[in-house]
């Protein structure tokens, strides 16, 4: 069943590792916080890998991940902020899998998200027939997380209207959810041990729907930044593209020199610098996640429509699909980058990519 799922959730994808870490906790007599599946050290090891029971899944400082884990054991939620594509959602998924063993309690924030989608709604046929009762209640992620003592993930929280965001105020402060339509015996839902909220927000959405000061006080804020080391980023892109291509049943793999050049281009356009020389930054995030998608697209194009191994044409074609979105000026910026950094380069792949500049 798992093999047929396009992207299995972390608790299925890494089920063996979670079981091995739980066994290690028992052997080492490490106690898990109340309501948690793993001990705090084991959750960190699950995210970063420990060379034995678990593999590395997120690139970041151990001290940063430890702060995130500690925050989720307090009476405040965890807010992960950063540029798009910095693996905020991946980190929240891994933390939820390690702590609760379940990543399904997820709210996707958007302009259409309502308070009902966060707390609870009603089966209206049953509501009309029987009136308000626990049977006619349809629990949403917050309700389920509180009653089950589990982590709830709130993606892109600042995409929601402020009044929807503020539905979390009493939940995060008092750990209580009130359902006024029910009778006294069922009106109040108390959070069980293990419940908490991980929210994510993109810095590029700042100003869309600002969080209230009251809600900010109920979260510990942690900033997730781009991977600082180019070699580490290249290794991650290589590993992830190879895994995605293998899952797609495609025998093609990215050559290491292709991956290195791809990551160099993304870092140049992300930071606005190429060595000591300045370049024009694109409005696109040019994130590591997008570099992985670009690498996969180049490999698939070469395997299906090319000569098997991606080259300059595939690099430029895939890059255009990732880099050029809704900002018209980005097209001229990318052409300028090609003229300045690809044409005179001694790297054969960069030169080959420049020969296909007309694809931009």
Protein backbone atom coordinates (compact mmCIF):
# COMPACT_ATOMS: atom_id res chain seq x y z
CA UNK A 1 0.00 0.00 0.00
CA UNK A 2 2.75 2.46 0.97
CA UNK A 3 4.56 1.79 -2.31
CA UNK A 4 1.49 3.00 -4.24
CA UNK A 5 1.24 6.33 -2.38
CA UNK A 6 2.91 9.20 -4.23
CA UNK A 7 4.27 10.71 -1.02
CA UNK A 8 3.76 8.57 2.08
CA UNK A 9 3.56 10.55 5.34
CA UNK A 10 6.64 10.50 7.55
CA UNK A 11 5.13 8.02 10.01
CA UNK A 12 4.76 5.47 7.18
CA UNK A 13 7.90 6.36 5.25
CA UNK A 14 10.09 6.04 8.33
CA UNK A 15 8.07 3.53 10.35
CA UNK A 16 11.09 1.24 10.85
CA UNK A 17 13.21 4.11 12.14
CA UNK A 18 10.52 5.27 14.57
CA UNK A 19 10.21 1.72 15.92
CA UNK A 20 14.00 1.42 16.25
CA UNK A 21 14.24 4.73 18.12
CA UNK A 22 11.45 3.67 20.47
CA UNK A 23 13.35 0.46 21.17
CA UNK A 24 16.54 2.46 21.78
CA UNK A 25 14.66 4.68 24.25
CA UNK A 26 13.59 1.58 26.15
CA UNK A 27 17.09 0.12 26.13
CA UNK A 28 18.71 3.39 27.25
CA UNK A 29 15.90 4.04 29.76
CA UNK A 30 15.14 7.43 28.23
CA UNK A 31 11.75 8.73 29.35
CA UNK A 32 9.42 10.35 26.83
CA UNK A 33 7.53 13.49 27.92
CA UNK A 34 3.88 12.82 28.79
CA UNK A 35 1.89 12.04 25.66
CA UNK A 36 4.96 11.68 23.42
CA UNK A 37 5.90 8.52 21.51
CA UNK A 38 9.66 9.16 21.74
CA UNK A 39 12.01 10.84 24.18
CA UNK A 40 13.19 14.35 23.36
CA UNK A 41 16.72 13.15 22.34
CA UNK A 42 15.15 10.48 20.10
CA UNK A 43 12.97 13.07 18.34
CA UNK A 44 16.10 15.12 17.56
CA UNK A 45 17.86 11.97 16.32
CA UNK A 46 14.87 11.15 14.13
CA UNK A 47 15.05 14.58 12.46
CA UNK A 48 18.83 14.85 12.09
CA UNK A 49 19.82 11.18 12.03
CA UNK A 50 22.17 9.42 14.44
CA UNK A 51 24.11 7.06 12.17
CA UNK A 52 22.40 4.01 13.66
CA UNK A 53 18.64 3.83 14.01
CA UNK A 54 17.79 6.87 11.88
CA UNK A 55 18.95 8.64 8.72
CA UNK A 56 19.35 12.42 8.31
CA UNK A 57 16.20 14.07 6.96
CA UNK A 58 16.59 17.78 7.72
CA UNK A 59 19.67 19.97 7.36
CA UNK A 60 20.08 22.30 10.33
CA UNK A 61 22.03 22.91 13.52
CA UNK A 62 21.35 20.46 16.33
CA UNK A 63 20.87 23.35 18.76
CA UNK A 64 18.10 24.72 16.51
CA UNK A 65 16.24 21.40 16.38
CA UNK A 66 16.66 20.96 20.13
CA UNK A 67 15.05 24.36 20.73
CA UNK A 68 12.11 23.35 18.54
CA UNK A 69 11.65 20.11 20.48
CA UNK A 70 11.88 21.89 23.84
CA UNK A 71 9.32 24.49 22.71
CA UNK A 72 6.77 21.76 22.00
CA UNK A 73 7.06 20.49 25.57
CA UNK A 74 6.15 23.93 26.99
CA UNK A 75 2.81 25.74 27.27
CA UNK A 76 3.47 27.62 24.02
CA UNK A 77 3.27 26.53 20.40
CA UNK A 78 6.12 26.50 17.89
CA UNK A 79 6.18 28.98 14.99
CA UNK A 80 8.56 28.21 12.11
CA UNK A 81 9.17 31.20 9.86
CA UNK A 82 11.44 31.68 6.85
CA UNK A 83 11.68 32.07 3.10
CA UNK A 84 9.60 29.73 0.91
CA UNK A 85 11.22 26.36 0.31
CA UNK A 86 13.38 26.24 3.43
CA UNK A 87 11.79 22.95 4.60
CA UNK A 88 9.56 24.44 7.30
CA UNK A 89 6.74 22.05 6.41
CA UNK A 90 9.13 19.11 6.29
CA UNK A 91 10.45 19.95 9.75
CA UNK A 92 6.95 20.29 11.18
CA UNK A 93 6.01 16.93 9.64
CA UNK A 94 9.08 15.22 11.09
CA UNK A 95 8.48 16.69 14.54
CA UNK A 96 4.83 15.61 14.49
CA UNK A 97 5.80 12.10 13.37
CA UNK A 98 8.45 11.76 16.06
CA UNK A 99 6.30 13.13 18.87
CA UNK A 100 2.81 11.88 18.00
CA UNK A 101 3.37 9.25 15.33
CA UNK A 102 0.69 10.99 13.25
CA UNK A 103 1.05 13.89 10.81
CA UNK A 104 -2.54 13.88 9.53
CA UNK A 105 -3.81 16.58 11.90
CA UNK A 106 -2.95 19.38 9.49
CA UNK A 107 -4.66 22.69 8.75
CA UNK A 108 -3.76 24.31 5.43
CA UNK A 109 -4.07 28.03 5.92
CA UNK A 110 -5.55 30.13 3.12
CA UNK A 111 -7.98 32.97 2.56
CA UNK A 112 -10.74 30.34 2.46
CA UNK A 113 -9.86 28.73 5.81
CA UNK A 114 -12.66 29.15 8.36
CA UNK A 115 -12.86 28.65 12.10
CA UNK A 116 -14.89 25.48 11.47
CA UNK A 117 -11.93 23.97 9.60
CA UNK A 118 -9.77 24.54 12.67
CA UNK A 119 -12.00 23.57 15.60
CA UNK A 120 -15.14 21.60 14.66
CA UNK A 121 -18.19 21.61 12.42
CA UNK A 122 -21.51 19.75 12.30
CA UNK A 123 -23.18 16.94 10.43
CA UNK A 124 -26.17 19.07 9.51
CA UNK A 125 -28.49 16.18 8.62
CA UNK A 126 -27.93 14.67 12.07
CA UNK A 127 -28.02 18.12 13.66
CA UNK A 128 -31.50 18.79 12.24
CA UNK A 129 -32.74 15.32 13.17
CA UNK A 130 -31.31 15.04 16.68
CA UNK A 131 -30.14 18.49 17.68
CA UNK A 132 -26.60 19.33 18.83
CA UNK A 133 -24.89 16.32 20.37
CA UNK A 134 -21.45 14.69 20.36
CA UNK A 135 -22.75 12.38 17.59
CA UNK A 136 -23.56 15.27 15.26
CA UNK A 137 -20.22 16.98 15.93
CA UNK A 138 -17.52 16.69 13.25
CA UNK A 139 -14.15 17.24 14.95
CA UNK A 140 -11.52 19.27 13.06
CA UNK A 141 -7.74 18.95 13.64
CA UNK A 142 -7.61 21.10 16.79
CA UNK A 143 -10.43 19.16 18.46
CA UNK A 144 -8.84 15.84 17.47
CA UNK A 145 -5.40 16.95 18.58
CA UNK A 146 -6.67 18.08 21.99
CA UNK A 147 -8.67 14.94 22.70
CA UNK A 148 -5.94 12.64 21.38
CA UNK A 149 -2.98 14.48 22.91
CA UNK A 150 -1.29 14.98 19.54
CA UNK A 151 0.62 17.62 17.58
CA UNK A 152 -1.46 19.75 15.18
CA UNK A 153 0.26 21.34 12.17
CA UNK A 154 -1.01 24.73 10.96
CA UNK A 155 0.56 25.46 7.57
CA UNK A 156 0.79 29.04 6.24
CA UNK A 157 -1.04 30.51 9.23
CA UNK A 158 -0.59 34.10 8.01
CA UNK A 159 -2.61 33.30 4.89
CA UNK A 160 -5.67 33.10 7.16
CA UNK A 161 -7.77 36.07 8.20
CA UNK A 162 -6.79 37.53 11.62
CA UNK A 163 -10.10 36.52 13.22
CA UNK A 164 -9.48 32.91 12.14
CA UNK A 165 -5.94 32.99 13.52
CA UNK A 166 -7.22 34.33 16.84
CA UNK A 167 -9.39 31.25 17.27
CA UNK A 168 -6.20 29.74 18.70
CA UNK A 169 -5.84 32.27 21.52
CA UNK A 170 -7.78 30.51 24.28
CA UNK A 171 -6.71 27.09 23.00
CA UNK A 172 -3.00 27.89 23.33
CA UNK A 173 -3.32 29.80 26.61
CA UNK A 174 -5.91 27.82 28.57
CA UNK A 175 -5.68 24.54 26.62
CA UNK A 176 -9.47 24.48 26.53
CA UNK A 177 -11.96 24.39 23.64
CA UNK A 178 -15.51 25.51 24.37
CA UNK A 179 -18.45 24.10 22.39
CA UNK A 180 -21.40 26.21 23.57
CA UNK A 181 -23.99 24.26 21.54
CA UNK A 182 -23.50 21.10 23.63
CA UNK A 183 -24.81 20.30 27.09
CA UNK A 184 -22.77 20.90 30.24
CA UNK A 185 -21.27 17.41 30.21
CA UNK A 186 -19.74 17.85 26.77
CA UNK A 187 -19.37 21.62 26.44
CA UNK A 188 -15.71 21.84 27.43
CA UNK A 189 -12.89 19.96 25.70
CA UNK A 190 -9.61 19.82 27.63
CA UNK A 191 -6.30 19.25 25.93
CA UNK A 192 -4.70 15.93 26.77
CA UNK A 193 -0.96 15.69 27.43
CA UNK A 194 1.04 15.73 24.23
CA UNK A 195 -1.13 18.31 22.46
CA UNK A 196 0.55 21.33 20.90
CA UNK A 197 0.57 23.35 17.68
CA UNK A 198 3.34 23.79 15.09
CA UNK A 199 2.60 26.71 12.77
CA UNK A 200 4.55 27.82 9.69
CA UNK A 201 4.67 31.16 7.91
CA UNK A 202 6.60 32.54 4.95
CA UNK A 203 8.45 35.79 5.45
CA UNK A 204 7.35 36.79 1.94
CA UNK A 205 3.75 36.76 3.19
CA UNK A 206 4.54 39.31 5.89
CA UNK A 207 1.92 42.00 5.80
CA UNK A 208 -0.76 39.81 4.19
CA UNK A 209 -2.48 38.97 7.48
CA UNK A 210 -0.32 40.02 10.40
CA UNK A 211 -0.61 37.94 13.55
CA UNK A 212 -1.92 39.77 16.59
CA UNK A 213 0.49 40.54 19.41
CA UNK A 214 -1.58 38.30 21.68
CA UNK A 215 -1.20 35.32 19.35
CA UNK A 216 2.52 35.93 18.86
CA UNK A 217 3.01 35.72 22.64
CA UNK A 218 1.61 32.21 22.57
CA UNK A 219 4.30 30.91 20.18
CA UNK A 220 8.03 30.38 20.36
CA UNK A 221 9.42 31.74 17.06
CA UNK A 222 12.23 29.95 15.22
CA UNK A 223 13.62 31.07 11.86
CA UNK A 224 14.43 28.40 9.27
CA UNK A 225 17.09 29.67 6.87
CA UNK A 226 18.59 28.40 3.60
CA UNK A 227 21.34 25.78 3.82
CA UNK A 228 24.57 27.78 4.31
CA UNK A 229 27.04 25.22 2.93
CA UNK A 230 26.98 24.68 -0.85
CA UNK A 231 28.44 21.16 -0.64
CA UNK A 232 25.84 20.12 1.93
CA UNK A 233 23.07 21.55 -0.24
CA UNK A 234 24.42 19.76 -3.33
CA UNK A 235 24.54 16.46 -1.44
CA UNK A 236 20.94 16.96 -0.31
CA UNK A 237 19.74 17.80 -3.83
CA UNK A 238 21.58 14.74 -5.20
CA UNK A 239 20.07 12.44 -2.60
CA UNK A 240 16.53 13.74 -2.97
CA UNK A 241 16.52 13.78 -6.78
CA UNK A 242 17.89 10.24 -6.91
CA UNK A 243 15.20 9.10 -4.47
CA UNK A 244 12.39 10.77 -6.43
CA UNK A 245 13.61 9.35 -9.72
CA UNK A 246 13.88 5.88 -8.21
CA UNK A 247 10.34 6.19 -6.81
CA UNK A 248 9.13 7.19 -10.28
CA UNK A 249 10.70 4.03 -11.74
CA UNK A 250 13.09 6.03 -13.92
CA UNK A 251 16.62 4.58 -14.21
CA UNK A 252 18.14 8.02 -14.96
CA UNK A 253 20.12 9.77 -12.24
CA UNK A 254 21.63 13.24 -12.10
CA UNK A 255 25.39 13.30 -12.73
CA UNK A 256 27.19 14.87 -9.79
CA UNK A 257 28.67 17.67 -11.90
CA UNK A 258 25.16 18.52 -13.13
CA UNK A 259 23.91 18.70 -9.54
CA UNK A 260 26.83 20.91 -8.52
CA UNK A 261 26.23 23.40 -11.34
CA UNK A 262 22.47 23.39 -10.67
CA UNK A 263 22.99 24.23 -7.00
CA UNK A 264 25.56 26.92 -7.87
CA UNK A 265 23.05 28.61 -10.18
CA UNK A 266 20.29 28.47 -7.58
CA UNK A 267 22.57 29.90 -4.90
CA UNK A 268 23.75 32.69 -7.22
CA UNK A 269 20.21 33.74 -8.10
CA UNK A 270 19.01 33.32 -4.51
CA UNK A 271 21.72 35.44 -2.90
CA UNK A 272 22.42 37.92 -5.70
CA UNK A 273 26.12 37.02 -5.79
CA UNK A 274 28.32 34.79 -7.90
CA UNK A 275 31.70 34.59 -6.21
CA UNK A 276 32.68 38.23 -5.62
CA UNK A 277 30.52 39.51 -8.45
CA UNK A 278 26.98 40.75 -7.96
CA UNK A 279 24.10 39.36 -10.01
CA UNK A 280 20.43 40.31 -10.19
CA UNK A 281 18.31 38.33 -7.78
CA UNK A 282 15.09 36.83 -9.07
CA UNK A 283 11.76 37.40 -7.37
CA UNK A 284 11.38 33.60 -7.12
CA UNK A 285 12.66 32.03 -3.91
CA UNK A 286 15.11 29.72 -5.75
CA UNK A 287 14.95 27.37 -2.80
CA UNK A 288 16.58 24.00 -2.26
CA UNK A 289 13.19 22.33 -2.73
CA UNK A 290 12.86 24.01 -6.12
CA UNK A 291 16.39 22.89 -7.04
CA UNK A 292 15.31 19.30 -6.37
CA UNK A 293 12.24 19.71 -8.58
CA UNK A 294 14.39 21.28 -11.31
CA UNK A 295 16.87 18.41 -11.17
CA UNK A 296 14.10 15.81 -11.39
CA UNK A 297 12.51 17.63 -14.34
CA UNK A 298 15.85 17.78 -16.20
CA UNK A 299 16.51 14.08 -15.64
CA UNK A 300 13.00 13.10 -16.77
CA UNK A 301 13.23 15.24 -19.90
CA UNK A 302 16.56 13.65 -20.80
CA UNK A 303 15.28 10.13 -20.12
CA UNK A 304 12.03 10.52 -22.06
CA UNK A 305 12.85 12.99 -24.82
CA UNK A 306 16.64 13.29 -24.92
CA UNK A 307 19.75 11.16 -24.94
CA UNK A 308 19.36 9.74 -21.45
CA UNK A 309 21.73 12.05 -19.56
CA UNK A 310 20.69 15.66 -18.91
CA UNK A 311 22.79 18.40 -20.48
CA UNK A 312 22.61 22.09 -21.26
CA UNK A 313 19.23 21.98 -23.00
CA UNK A 314 17.58 20.11 -20.13
CA UNK A 315 19.20 22.37 -17.55
CA UNK A 316 17.95 25.56 -19.19
CA UNK A 317 14.49 24.16 -19.92
CA UNK A 318 13.96 22.95 -16.35
CA UNK A 319 15.44 26.13 -14.88
CA UNK A 320 12.98 28.28 -16.84
CA UNK A 321 10.07 26.30 -15.41
CA UNK A 322 11.23 26.93 -11.83
CA UNK A 323 12.69 30.43 -12.03
CA UNK A 324 10.19 32.29 -14.20
CA UNK A 325 6.80 32.68 -12.57
CA UNK A 326 4.73 35.86 -12.50
CA UNK A 327 7.39 38.60 -12.57
CA UNK A 328 8.11 39.73 -16.17
CA UNK A 329 11.47 41.26 -15.20
CA UNK A 330 12.79 37.87 -14.10
CA UNK A 331 13.12 36.79 -17.72
CA UNK A 332 15.56 39.59 -18.54
CA UNK A 333 17.39 39.01 -15.23
CA UNK A 334 17.89 35.34 -16.06
CA UNK A 335 19.12 36.24 -19.57
CA UNK A 336 21.57 38.73 -18.05
CA UNK A 337 22.83 36.02 -15.70
CA UNK A 338 23.36 33.68 -18.65
CA UNK A 339 25.27 36.37 -20.55
CA UNK A 340 27.48 37.20 -17.57
CA UNK A 341 27.99 33.81 -15.91
CA UNK A 342 27.37 31.09 -18.48
CA UNK A 343 28.80 32.40 -21.74
CA UNK A 344 32.37 32.96 -20.53
CA UNK A 345 32.45 30.00 -18.13
CA UNK A 346 35.02 27.26 -18.60
CA UNK A 347 32.55 24.67 -17.32
CA UNK A 348 31.29 22.56 -20.28
CA UNK A 349 27.78 22.23 -18.82
CA UNK A 350 27.43 25.99 -18.32
CA UNK A 351 28.64 26.57 -21.89
CA UNK A 352 26.17 23.98 -23.20
CA UNK A 353 23.39 25.66 -21.24
CA UNK A 354 24.28 29.02 -22.76
CA UNK A 355 23.88 27.53 -26.24
CA UNK A 356 20.19 27.07 -25.35
CA UNK A 357 19.66 30.61 -24.06
CA UNK A 358 16.85 30.99 -26.61
CA UNK A 359 14.69 28.76 -24.36
CA UNK A 360 14.46 31.55 -21.78
